[in-house]
């Protein structure tokens, strides 16, 4: 059984994290561990009709973001890595500086120190210089950066199709196929 941590931070685009959870819920050999930041809870209320209970219902295990004693806060608790979707610039900054003030950032830090994959889906536009520096530092530190860029080569005409594309690219980082992802055919 693969264990994947899903972190949803307080940036616009919390629907991406929700859709990652939906996609992983359909994968038999994956157990999801969810951490939702306080900021993300506010954004869910502003951008969606979803309750946090609906979001948490998709995960196998959920954690309070303030619980720094949770199993995923330790490297001895084995996971296959983490997805942070969306990843706010605040969380990104904390991650690249190992400022483990909450469970979401601590879990990412633990995954990195243990050599596990961490995929970040950064949400901000435009990017300022410090955002770019932090993204460069994250890439140099070994984080996988998968920004939710628009795509057109595969016929993505709706927001839902665009999100499906991003979710497919994120799951590819873990070798997981997503049936709604339309790859480049050449």
N, C-alpha and C. Protein backbone atom coordinates (compact mmCIF):
# COMPACT_ATOMS: atom_id res chain seq x y z
N UNK A 1 0.84 -1.17 0.00
CA UNK A 1 0.00 0.00 0.00
C UNK A 1 0.89 1.25 0.00
N UNK A 2 0.70 2.09 -1.01
CA UNK A 2 1.43 3.36 -1.07
C UNK A 2 0.69 4.39 -0.21
N UNK A 3 1.45 5.21 0.50
CA UNK A 3 0.89 6.28 1.32
C UNK A 3 1.34 7.60 0.74
N UNK A 4 0.38 8.42 0.36
CA UNK A 4 0.68 9.74 -0.20
C UNK A 4 0.00 10.79 0.65
N UNK A 5 0.79 11.77 1.08
CA UNK A 5 0.27 12.90 1.85
C UNK A 5 -0.23 13.94 0.85
N UNK A 6 -1.41 14.47 1.09
CA UNK A 6 -1.95 15.57 0.29
C UNK A 6 -2.10 16.76 1.21
N UNK A 7 -1.41 17.84 0.87
CA UNK A 7 -1.54 19.09 1.60
C UNK A 7 -2.28 20.09 0.74
N UNK A 8 -3.24 20.77 1.34
CA UNK A 8 -3.97 21.83 0.64
C UNK A 8 -3.72 23.11 1.43
N UNK A 9 -3.00 24.05 0.81
CA UNK A 9 -2.68 25.29 1.50
C UNK A 9 -3.62 26.40 1.04
N UNK A 10 -3.50 27.56 1.67
CA UNK A 10 -4.44 28.65 1.48
C UNK A 10 -4.18 29.54 0.29
N UNK A 11 -4.13 28.96 -0.88
CA UNK A 11 -4.02 29.73 -2.12
C UNK A 11 -5.26 29.47 -2.96
N UNK A 12 -5.54 30.37 -3.88
CA UNK A 12 -6.64 30.12 -4.78
C UNK A 12 -6.38 28.82 -5.55
N UNK A 13 -7.44 28.11 -5.86
CA UNK A 13 -7.28 26.85 -6.57
C UNK A 13 -7.37 25.62 -5.68
N UNK A 14 -8.04 25.75 -4.54
CA UNK A 14 -8.18 24.59 -3.65
C UNK A 14 -8.89 23.43 -4.35
N UNK A 15 -9.63 23.75 -5.41
CA UNK A 15 -10.29 22.71 -6.19
C UNK A 15 -9.29 21.71 -6.75
N UNK A 16 -8.07 22.15 -7.02
CA UNK A 16 -7.05 21.24 -7.54
C UNK A 16 -6.72 20.19 -6.49
N UNK A 17 -6.54 20.60 -5.26
CA UNK A 17 -6.29 19.64 -4.19
C UNK A 17 -7.44 18.68 -4.01
N UNK A 18 -8.65 19.21 -4.08
CA UNK A 18 -9.83 18.36 -3.97
C UNK A 18 -9.86 17.32 -5.08
N UNK A 19 -9.55 17.75 -6.31
CA UNK A 19 -9.56 16.83 -7.45
C UNK A 19 -8.44 15.81 -7.36
N UNK A 20 -7.29 16.20 -6.79
CA UNK A 20 -6.22 15.22 -6.54
C UNK A 20 -6.73 14.14 -5.60
N UNK A 21 -7.41 14.55 -4.54
CA UNK A 21 -7.99 13.58 -3.60
C UNK A 21 -9.00 12.67 -4.29
N UNK A 22 -9.86 13.25 -5.13
CA UNK A 22 -10.84 12.44 -5.87
C UNK A 22 -10.13 11.39 -6.73
N UNK A 23 -9.11 11.83 -7.44
CA UNK A 23 -8.38 10.91 -8.33
C UNK A 23 -7.70 9.81 -7.53
N UNK A 24 -7.07 10.15 -6.42
CA UNK A 24 -6.36 9.15 -5.61
C UNK A 24 -7.33 8.20 -4.91
N UNK A 25 -8.55 8.67 -4.63
CA UNK A 25 -9.56 7.82 -3.99
C UNK A 25 -9.91 6.63 -4.89
N UNK A 26 -9.70 6.80 -6.19
CA UNK A 26 -10.01 5.74 -7.13
C UNK A 26 -8.85 4.79 -7.39
N UNK A 27 -7.73 4.97 -6.70
CA UNK A 27 -6.55 4.12 -6.89
C UNK A 27 -6.48 3.13 -5.72
N UNK A 28 -6.62 1.85 -6.03
CA UNK A 28 -6.73 0.81 -5.00
C UNK A 28 -5.57 0.75 -4.03
N UNK A 29 -4.37 0.88 -4.50
CA UNK A 29 -3.21 0.66 -3.63
C UNK A 29 -2.63 1.94 -3.05
N UNK A 30 -3.44 3.01 -2.98
CA UNK A 30 -2.98 4.28 -2.42
C UNK A 30 -3.83 4.65 -1.22
N UNK A 31 -3.15 4.97 -0.13
CA UNK A 31 -3.79 5.49 1.07
C UNK A 31 -3.42 6.97 1.17
N UNK A 32 -4.42 7.84 1.29
CA UNK A 32 -4.15 9.27 1.35
C UNK A 32 -4.20 9.79 2.79
N UNK A 33 -3.26 10.70 3.06
CA UNK A 33 -3.15 11.36 4.36
C UNK A 33 -3.28 12.86 4.08
N UNK A 34 -4.33 13.48 4.62
CA UNK A 34 -4.68 14.85 4.27
C UNK A 34 -4.39 15.85 5.39
N UNK A 35 -3.79 16.98 4.97
CA UNK A 35 -3.60 18.13 5.85
C UNK A 35 -4.14 19.36 5.12
N UNK A 36 -5.06 20.07 5.74
CA UNK A 36 -5.64 21.27 5.16
C UNK A 36 -5.30 22.45 6.06
N UNK A 37 -4.67 23.48 5.50
CA UNK A 37 -4.30 24.65 6.30
C UNK A 37 -5.55 25.46 6.65
N UNK A 38 -5.41 26.30 7.66
CA UNK A 38 -6.52 27.18 8.05
C UNK A 38 -6.89 28.10 6.89
N UNK A 39 -5.88 28.60 6.19
CA UNK A 39 -6.15 29.45 5.03
C UNK A 39 -6.94 28.73 3.95
N UNK A 40 -6.61 27.46 3.73
CA UNK A 40 -7.33 26.68 2.71
C UNK A 40 -8.80 26.52 3.10
N UNK A 41 -9.06 26.35 4.39
CA UNK A 41 -10.46 26.22 4.83
C UNK A 41 -11.24 27.48 4.48
N UNK A 42 -10.63 28.64 4.62
CA UNK A 42 -11.28 29.89 4.25
C UNK A 42 -11.52 29.94 2.74
N UNK A 43 -10.51 29.54 1.97
CA UNK A 43 -10.62 29.58 0.50
C UNK A 43 -11.68 28.61 0.00
N UNK A 44 -11.79 27.43 0.61
CA UNK A 44 -12.86 26.49 0.22
C UNK A 44 -14.22 27.18 0.35
N UNK A 45 -14.41 27.93 1.41
CA UNK A 45 -15.67 28.63 1.61
C UNK A 45 -15.91 29.73 0.61
N UNK A 46 -14.85 30.33 0.11
CA UNK A 46 -14.98 31.44 -0.85
C UNK A 46 -15.07 30.97 -2.30
N UNK A 47 -14.40 29.87 -2.62
CA UNK A 47 -14.30 29.45 -4.03
C UNK A 47 -15.17 28.26 -4.40
N UNK A 48 -15.71 27.55 -3.40
CA UNK A 48 -16.46 26.33 -3.72
C UNK A 48 -17.71 26.25 -2.85
N UNK A 49 -18.53 25.26 -3.16
CA UNK A 49 -19.69 24.93 -2.33
C UNK A 49 -19.37 23.72 -1.45
N UNK A 50 -18.11 23.33 -1.39
CA UNK A 50 -17.70 22.16 -0.63
C UNK A 50 -17.47 22.50 0.84
N UNK A 51 -17.91 21.61 1.71
CA UNK A 51 -17.57 21.75 3.12
C UNK A 51 -16.25 21.02 3.36
N UNK A 52 -15.57 21.38 4.43
CA UNK A 52 -14.32 20.70 4.77
C UNK A 52 -14.59 19.23 5.06
N UNK A 53 -15.75 18.92 5.61
CA UNK A 53 -16.11 17.51 5.86
C UNK A 53 -16.17 16.73 4.55
N UNK A 54 -16.69 17.34 3.48
CA UNK A 54 -16.72 16.68 2.17
C UNK A 54 -15.31 16.43 1.65
N UNK A 55 -14.44 17.39 1.85
CA UNK A 55 -13.05 17.25 1.40
C UNK A 55 -12.38 16.14 2.20
N UNK A 56 -12.50 16.20 3.51
CA UNK A 56 -11.87 15.20 4.37
C UNK A 56 -12.41 13.80 4.14
N UNK A 57 -13.67 13.69 3.70
CA UNK A 57 -14.27 12.38 3.46
C UNK A 57 -13.56 11.61 2.35
N UNK A 58 -12.86 12.31 1.48
CA UNK A 58 -12.14 11.64 0.38
C UNK A 58 -10.82 11.02 0.84
N UNK A 59 -10.30 11.48 1.98
CA UNK A 59 -9.01 11.00 2.46
C UNK A 59 -9.19 9.79 3.37
N UNK A 60 -8.16 8.95 3.39
CA UNK A 60 -8.17 7.81 4.30
C UNK A 60 -7.86 8.24 5.72
N UNK A 61 -6.96 9.21 5.86
CA UNK A 61 -6.56 9.72 7.17
C UNK A 61 -6.48 11.24 7.06
N UNK A 62 -6.98 11.94 8.08
CA UNK A 62 -6.89 13.40 8.10
C UNK A 62 -6.18 13.85 9.37
N UNK A 63 -5.53 15.00 9.28
CA UNK A 63 -4.79 15.56 10.41
C UNK A 63 -5.12 17.03 10.57
N UNK A 64 -5.07 17.49 11.80
CA UNK A 64 -5.19 18.90 12.10
C UNK A 64 -3.83 19.54 11.78
N UNK A 65 -3.85 20.65 11.08
CA UNK A 65 -2.61 21.30 10.66
C UNK A 65 -1.76 21.77 11.84
N UNK A 66 -2.35 21.89 13.00
CA UNK A 66 -1.60 22.32 14.19
C UNK A 66 -0.97 21.15 14.94
N UNK A 67 -1.26 19.91 14.52
CA UNK A 67 -0.79 18.72 15.23
C UNK A 67 0.62 18.33 14.79
N UNK A 68 1.61 18.95 15.38
CA UNK A 68 2.99 18.67 15.02
C UNK A 68 3.49 17.34 15.57
N UNK A 69 2.63 16.62 16.28
CA UNK A 69 2.98 15.27 16.77
C UNK A 69 2.31 14.18 15.93
N UNK A 70 1.68 14.55 14.84
CA UNK A 70 1.03 13.57 13.96
C UNK A 70 2.06 12.62 13.37
N UNK A 71 1.66 11.41 13.02
CA UNK A 71 2.61 10.45 12.45
C UNK A 71 3.42 11.00 11.27
N UNK A 72 2.78 11.78 10.39
CA UNK A 72 3.47 12.28 9.20
C UNK A 72 4.50 13.35 9.52
N UNK A 73 4.61 13.75 10.79
CA UNK A 73 5.63 14.74 11.18
C UNK A 73 6.97 14.07 11.48
N UNK A 74 7.03 12.75 11.35
CA UNK A 74 8.27 12.02 11.65
C UNK A 74 8.73 11.21 10.44
N UNK A 75 10.02 11.22 10.23
CA UNK A 75 10.60 10.44 9.14
C UNK A 75 10.48 8.95 9.35
N UNK A 76 10.28 8.51 10.59
CA UNK A 76 10.14 7.08 10.84
C UNK A 76 8.79 6.55 10.40
N UNK A 77 7.84 7.46 10.13
CA UNK A 77 6.55 7.05 9.57
C UNK A 77 6.71 7.09 8.05
N UNK A 78 6.72 5.94 7.44
CA UNK A 78 7.03 5.86 6.01
C UNK A 78 5.85 6.23 5.12
N UNK A 79 6.13 7.12 4.20
CA UNK A 79 5.18 7.48 3.15
C UNK A 79 5.93 7.46 1.83
N UNK A 80 5.19 7.59 0.75
CA UNK A 80 5.81 7.65 -0.57
C UNK A 80 6.05 9.07 -1.03
N UNK A 81 5.61 10.04 -0.23
CA UNK A 81 5.83 11.43 -0.58
C UNK A 81 4.59 12.26 -0.36
N UNK A 82 4.62 13.45 -0.95
CA UNK A 82 3.58 14.44 -0.67
C UNK A 82 3.27 15.28 -1.89
N UNK A 83 2.02 15.69 -1.98
CA UNK A 83 1.54 16.64 -2.99
C UNK A 83 0.97 17.83 -2.23
N UNK A 84 1.40 19.04 -2.59
CA UNK A 84 0.82 20.24 -2.01
C UNK A 84 0.13 20.99 -3.14
N UNK A 85 -1.21 20.92 -3.13
CA UNK A 85 -2.00 21.49 -4.22
C UNK A 85 -3.25 22.17 -3.67
N UNK A 86 -3.35 23.45 -3.81
CA UNK A 86 -2.34 24.38 -4.29
C UNK A 86 -1.30 24.65 -3.21
N UNK A 87 -0.20 25.22 -3.63
CA UNK A 87 0.86 25.60 -2.70
C UNK A 87 0.94 27.12 -2.68
N UNK A 88 0.59 27.71 -1.55
CA UNK A 88 0.66 29.17 -1.42
C UNK A 88 2.12 29.61 -1.37
N UNK A 89 2.35 30.85 -1.65
CA UNK A 89 3.70 31.39 -1.55
C UNK A 89 4.18 31.40 -0.10
N UNK A 90 3.26 31.55 0.84
CA UNK A 90 3.62 31.48 2.26
C UNK A 90 4.14 30.09 2.61
N UNK A 91 3.42 29.05 2.18
CA UNK A 91 3.86 27.68 2.46
C UNK A 91 5.16 27.38 1.73
N UNK A 92 5.28 27.83 0.50
CA UNK A 92 6.52 27.63 -0.26
C UNK A 92 7.70 28.24 0.48
N UNK A 93 7.54 29.48 0.93
CA UNK A 93 8.62 30.15 1.65
C UNK A 93 8.99 29.38 2.91
N UNK A 94 7.99 28.92 3.64
CA UNK A 94 8.26 28.14 4.85
C UNK A 94 9.00 26.85 4.51
N UNK A 95 8.60 26.19 3.44
CA UNK A 95 9.24 24.92 3.06
C UNK A 95 10.72 25.11 2.71
N UNK A 96 11.01 26.09 1.87
CA UNK A 96 12.41 26.24 1.44
C UNK A 96 13.30 26.77 2.56
N UNK A 97 12.69 27.27 3.62
CA UNK A 97 13.47 27.74 4.77
C UNK A 97 13.33 26.82 5.98
N UNK A 98 12.71 25.66 5.79
CA UNK A 98 12.50 24.68 6.87
C UNK A 98 11.88 25.33 8.10
N UNK A 99 10.93 26.22 7.88
CA UNK A 99 10.21 26.88 8.97
C UNK A 99 8.97 26.04 9.28
N UNK A 100 9.18 24.99 10.04
CA UNK A 100 8.16 23.97 10.29
C UNK A 100 7.17 24.39 11.37
N UNK A 101 6.43 25.44 11.10
CA UNK A 101 5.50 26.00 12.07
C UNK A 101 4.13 25.33 12.06
N UNK A 102 3.86 24.51 11.04
CA UNK A 102 2.60 23.77 10.98
C UNK A 102 2.86 22.40 10.37
N UNK A 103 1.85 21.55 10.43
CA UNK A 103 2.04 20.17 9.98
C UNK A 103 2.25 20.07 8.47
N UNK A 104 1.58 20.89 7.71
CA UNK A 104 1.74 20.83 6.25
C UNK A 104 3.21 21.04 5.88
N UNK A 105 3.81 22.08 6.42
CA UNK A 105 5.21 22.38 6.10
C UNK A 105 6.12 21.32 6.72
N UNK A 106 5.85 20.91 7.94
CA UNK A 106 6.68 19.89 8.59
C UNK A 106 6.66 18.58 7.79
N UNK A 107 5.49 18.16 7.32
CA UNK A 107 5.39 16.92 6.55
C UNK A 107 6.21 17.01 5.26
N UNK A 108 6.17 18.18 4.60
CA UNK A 108 6.98 18.36 3.39
C UNK A 108 8.46 18.30 3.72
N UNK A 109 8.85 18.95 4.80
CA UNK A 109 10.24 18.95 5.24
C UNK A 109 10.71 17.52 5.55
N UNK A 110 9.87 16.77 6.23
CA UNK A 110 10.20 15.37 6.57
C UNK A 110 10.38 14.55 5.28
N UNK A 111 9.46 14.71 4.35
CA UNK A 111 9.59 13.97 3.08
C UNK A 111 10.90 14.30 2.39
N UNK A 112 11.25 15.58 2.36
CA UNK A 112 12.49 15.98 1.69
C UNK A 112 13.71 15.41 2.39
N UNK A 113 13.75 15.48 3.72
CA UNK A 113 14.93 14.99 4.44
C UNK A 113 15.07 13.47 4.32
N UNK A 114 13.96 12.79 4.07
CA UNK A 114 13.98 11.34 3.93
C UNK A 114 14.14 10.91 2.46
N UNK A 115 14.31 11.88 1.56
CA UNK A 115 14.51 11.57 0.15
C UNK A 115 13.25 11.13 -0.58
N UNK A 116 12.10 11.58 -0.09
CA UNK A 116 10.81 11.24 -0.72
C UNK A 116 10.36 12.37 -1.63
N UNK A 117 9.57 12.03 -2.61
CA UNK A 117 9.10 13.01 -3.59
C UNK A 117 8.11 13.97 -2.94
N UNK A 118 8.29 15.26 -3.25
CA UNK A 118 7.32 16.29 -2.86
C UNK A 118 7.00 17.10 -4.11
N UNK A 119 5.72 17.13 -4.46
CA UNK A 119 5.26 17.85 -5.65
C UNK A 119 4.49 19.09 -5.19
N UNK A 120 4.94 20.25 -5.65
CA UNK A 120 4.30 21.51 -5.31
C UNK A 120 3.55 22.05 -6.52
N UNK A 121 2.33 22.51 -6.29
CA UNK A 121 1.51 23.14 -7.33
C UNK A 121 1.33 24.60 -6.92
N UNK A 122 2.34 25.44 -7.26
CA UNK A 122 2.32 26.83 -6.80
C UNK A 122 1.25 27.65 -7.49
N UNK A 123 0.57 28.49 -6.70
CA UNK A 123 -0.50 29.34 -7.22
C UNK A 123 -0.22 30.79 -6.86
N UNK A 124 0.21 31.52 -7.81
CA UNK A 124 0.38 32.97 -7.66
C UNK A 124 0.61 33.53 -9.06
N UNK A 125 0.11 34.74 -9.29
CA UNK A 125 0.35 35.37 -10.59
C UNK A 125 0.05 36.84 -10.47
N UNK A 126 0.92 37.71 -10.91
CA UNK A 126 2.27 37.41 -11.38
C UNK A 126 3.18 37.05 -10.22
N UNK A 127 4.34 36.55 -10.57
CA UNK A 127 5.34 36.19 -9.57
C UNK A 127 6.30 37.35 -9.37
N UNK A 128 6.61 37.65 -8.10
CA UNK A 128 7.63 38.66 -7.86
C UNK A 128 8.98 37.97 -7.71
N UNK A 129 10.01 38.74 -7.49
CA UNK A 129 11.37 38.18 -7.42
C UNK A 129 11.53 37.19 -6.29
N UNK A 130 10.96 37.47 -5.14
CA UNK A 130 11.12 36.52 -4.02
C UNK A 130 10.37 35.23 -4.29
N UNK A 131 9.22 35.30 -4.97
CA UNK A 131 8.53 34.07 -5.37
C UNK A 131 9.43 33.24 -6.28
N UNK A 132 10.02 33.91 -7.26
CA UNK A 132 10.91 33.21 -8.21
C UNK A 132 12.12 32.63 -7.50
N UNK A 133 12.71 33.39 -6.57
CA UNK A 133 13.85 32.86 -5.80
C UNK A 133 13.44 31.63 -5.00
N UNK A 134 12.28 31.70 -4.35
CA UNK A 134 11.81 30.56 -3.55
C UNK A 134 11.51 29.35 -4.43
N UNK A 135 10.93 29.57 -5.60
CA UNK A 135 10.68 28.45 -6.53
C UNK A 135 11.99 27.84 -7.00
N UNK A 136 12.98 28.69 -7.32
CA UNK A 136 14.29 28.19 -7.73
C UNK A 136 14.92 27.39 -6.59
N UNK A 137 14.83 27.92 -5.37
CA UNK A 137 15.40 27.21 -4.22
C UNK A 137 14.69 25.86 -4.02
N UNK A 138 13.37 25.84 -4.18
CA UNK A 138 12.63 24.59 -4.04
C UNK A 138 13.08 23.57 -5.09
N UNK A 139 13.24 24.02 -6.33
CA UNK A 139 13.71 23.12 -7.39
C UNK A 139 15.12 22.62 -7.09
N UNK A 140 15.99 23.51 -6.65
CA UNK A 140 17.36 23.11 -6.32
C UNK A 140 17.39 22.15 -5.12
N UNK A 141 16.43 22.29 -4.20
CA UNK A 141 16.35 21.41 -3.03
C UNK A 141 15.75 20.05 -3.37
N UNK A 142 15.18 19.92 -4.57
CA UNK A 142 14.63 18.62 -4.97
C UNK A 142 13.13 18.52 -5.04
N UNK A 143 12.44 19.61 -4.75
CA UNK A 143 10.98 19.60 -4.90
C UNK A 143 10.65 19.52 -6.39
N UNK A 144 9.56 18.85 -6.73
CA UNK A 144 9.04 18.89 -8.09
C UNK A 144 8.02 20.02 -8.17
N UNK A 145 8.21 20.90 -9.14
CA UNK A 145 7.34 22.07 -9.29
C UNK A 145 6.43 21.82 -10.48
N UNK A 146 5.12 21.75 -10.23
CA UNK A 146 4.14 21.52 -11.29
C UNK A 146 3.09 22.64 -11.21
N UNK A 147 3.42 23.80 -11.80
CA UNK A 147 2.46 24.90 -11.75
C UNK A 147 1.23 24.59 -12.62
N UNK A 148 0.08 25.07 -12.21
CA UNK A 148 -1.14 24.80 -12.97
C UNK A 148 -1.23 25.69 -14.21
N UNK A 149 -0.42 25.37 -15.20
CA UNK A 149 -0.38 26.15 -16.44
C UNK A 149 -1.53 25.73 -17.37
N UNK A 150 -2.03 26.69 -18.09
CA UNK A 150 -3.05 26.38 -19.10
C UNK A 150 -2.43 25.53 -20.20
N UNK A 151 -3.23 24.62 -20.74
CA UNK A 151 -2.78 23.80 -21.86
C UNK A 151 -3.85 23.82 -22.95
N UNK A 152 -3.42 23.71 -24.18
CA UNK A 152 -4.37 23.77 -25.29
C UNK A 152 -4.18 22.64 -26.29
N UNK A 153 -3.02 21.97 -26.28
CA UNK A 153 -2.72 20.96 -27.28
C UNK A 153 -3.65 19.75 -27.21
N UNK A 154 -4.30 19.55 -26.07
CA UNK A 154 -5.12 18.35 -25.91
C UNK A 154 -6.61 18.65 -25.90
N UNK A 155 -6.99 19.82 -26.38
CA UNK A 155 -8.40 20.15 -26.50
C UNK A 155 -9.06 20.60 -25.21
N UNK A 156 -8.27 21.03 -24.23
CA UNK A 156 -8.83 21.51 -22.96
C UNK A 156 -9.59 22.81 -23.19
N UNK A 157 -10.90 22.74 -23.14
CA UNK A 157 -11.70 23.94 -23.40
C UNK A 157 -12.44 24.45 -22.18
N UNK A 158 -12.45 23.69 -21.09
CA UNK A 158 -13.14 24.12 -19.88
C UNK A 158 -12.17 24.15 -18.71
N UNK A 159 -12.57 24.83 -17.66
CA UNK A 159 -11.76 24.84 -16.45
C UNK A 159 -11.59 23.42 -15.93
N UNK A 160 -12.64 22.63 -15.98
CA UNK A 160 -12.57 21.24 -15.51
C UNK A 160 -11.51 20.46 -16.29
N UNK A 161 -11.46 20.65 -17.60
CA UNK A 161 -10.44 19.96 -18.41
C UNK A 161 -9.03 20.44 -18.04
N UNK A 162 -8.90 21.74 -17.78
CA UNK A 162 -7.59 22.28 -17.40
C UNK A 162 -7.14 21.68 -16.06
N UNK A 163 -8.07 21.59 -15.09
CA UNK A 163 -7.73 21.00 -13.79
C UNK A 163 -7.39 19.52 -13.96
N UNK A 164 -8.13 18.81 -14.79
CA UNK A 164 -7.82 17.40 -15.05
C UNK A 164 -6.41 17.24 -15.60
N UNK A 165 -6.00 18.16 -16.45
CA UNK A 165 -4.65 18.11 -17.01
C UNK A 165 -3.61 18.29 -15.91
N UNK A 166 -3.82 19.26 -15.04
CA UNK A 166 -2.88 19.50 -13.95
C UNK A 166 -2.83 18.29 -13.02
N UNK A 167 -3.98 17.76 -12.66
CA UNK A 167 -4.03 16.59 -11.78
C UNK A 167 -3.28 15.42 -12.43
N UNK A 168 -3.47 15.22 -13.72
CA UNK A 168 -2.76 14.15 -14.42
C UNK A 168 -1.25 14.34 -14.37
N UNK A 169 -0.79 15.59 -14.57
CA UNK A 169 0.65 15.87 -14.51
C UNK A 169 1.20 15.65 -13.11
N UNK A 170 0.43 16.02 -12.08
CA UNK A 170 0.86 15.81 -10.69
C UNK A 170 0.97 14.31 -10.40
N UNK A 171 -0.05 13.56 -10.76
CA UNK A 171 -0.05 12.12 -10.46
C UNK A 171 1.03 11.37 -11.25
N UNK A 172 1.39 11.88 -12.43
CA UNK A 172 2.49 11.27 -13.19
C UNK A 172 3.78 11.26 -12.38
N UNK A 173 3.96 12.25 -11.50
CA UNK A 173 5.16 12.33 -10.68
C UNK A 173 5.29 11.13 -9.74
N UNK A 174 4.17 10.47 -9.47
CA UNK A 174 4.16 9.27 -8.63
C UNK A 174 3.91 8.00 -9.43
N UNK A 175 3.96 8.11 -10.76
CA UNK A 175 3.75 6.94 -11.61
C UNK A 175 2.31 6.47 -11.62
N UNK A 176 1.37 7.37 -11.35
CA UNK A 176 -0.05 7.03 -11.30
C UNK A 176 -0.74 7.60 -12.53
N UNK A 177 -1.44 6.75 -13.26
CA UNK A 177 -2.20 7.19 -14.43
C UNK A 177 -3.53 7.77 -13.97
N UNK A 178 -3.98 8.80 -14.68
CA UNK A 178 -5.26 9.44 -14.40
C UNK A 178 -6.09 9.37 -15.67
N UNK A 179 -7.23 8.73 -15.61
CA UNK A 179 -8.01 8.47 -16.82
C UNK A 179 -8.57 9.72 -17.49
N UNK A 180 -8.58 10.85 -16.81
CA UNK A 180 -9.07 12.09 -17.42
C UNK A 180 -7.95 12.93 -18.03
N UNK A 181 -6.73 12.46 -17.92
CA UNK A 181 -5.58 13.16 -18.47
C UNK A 181 -5.42 12.79 -19.94
N UNK A 182 -5.26 13.80 -20.79
CA UNK A 182 -5.07 13.58 -22.23
C UNK A 182 -3.62 13.97 -22.56
N UNK A 183 -2.74 12.99 -22.78
CA UNK A 183 -1.34 13.30 -23.04
C UNK A 183 -1.10 13.79 -24.46
N UNK A 184 0.03 14.40 -24.66
CA UNK A 184 0.49 14.83 -25.99
C UNK A 184 0.64 13.60 -26.87
N UNK A 185 0.12 13.67 -28.07
CA UNK A 185 0.20 12.54 -29.00
C UNK A 185 1.20 12.74 -30.11
N UNK A 186 1.83 13.91 -30.17
CA UNK A 186 2.83 14.18 -31.19
C UNK A 186 2.25 14.67 -32.48
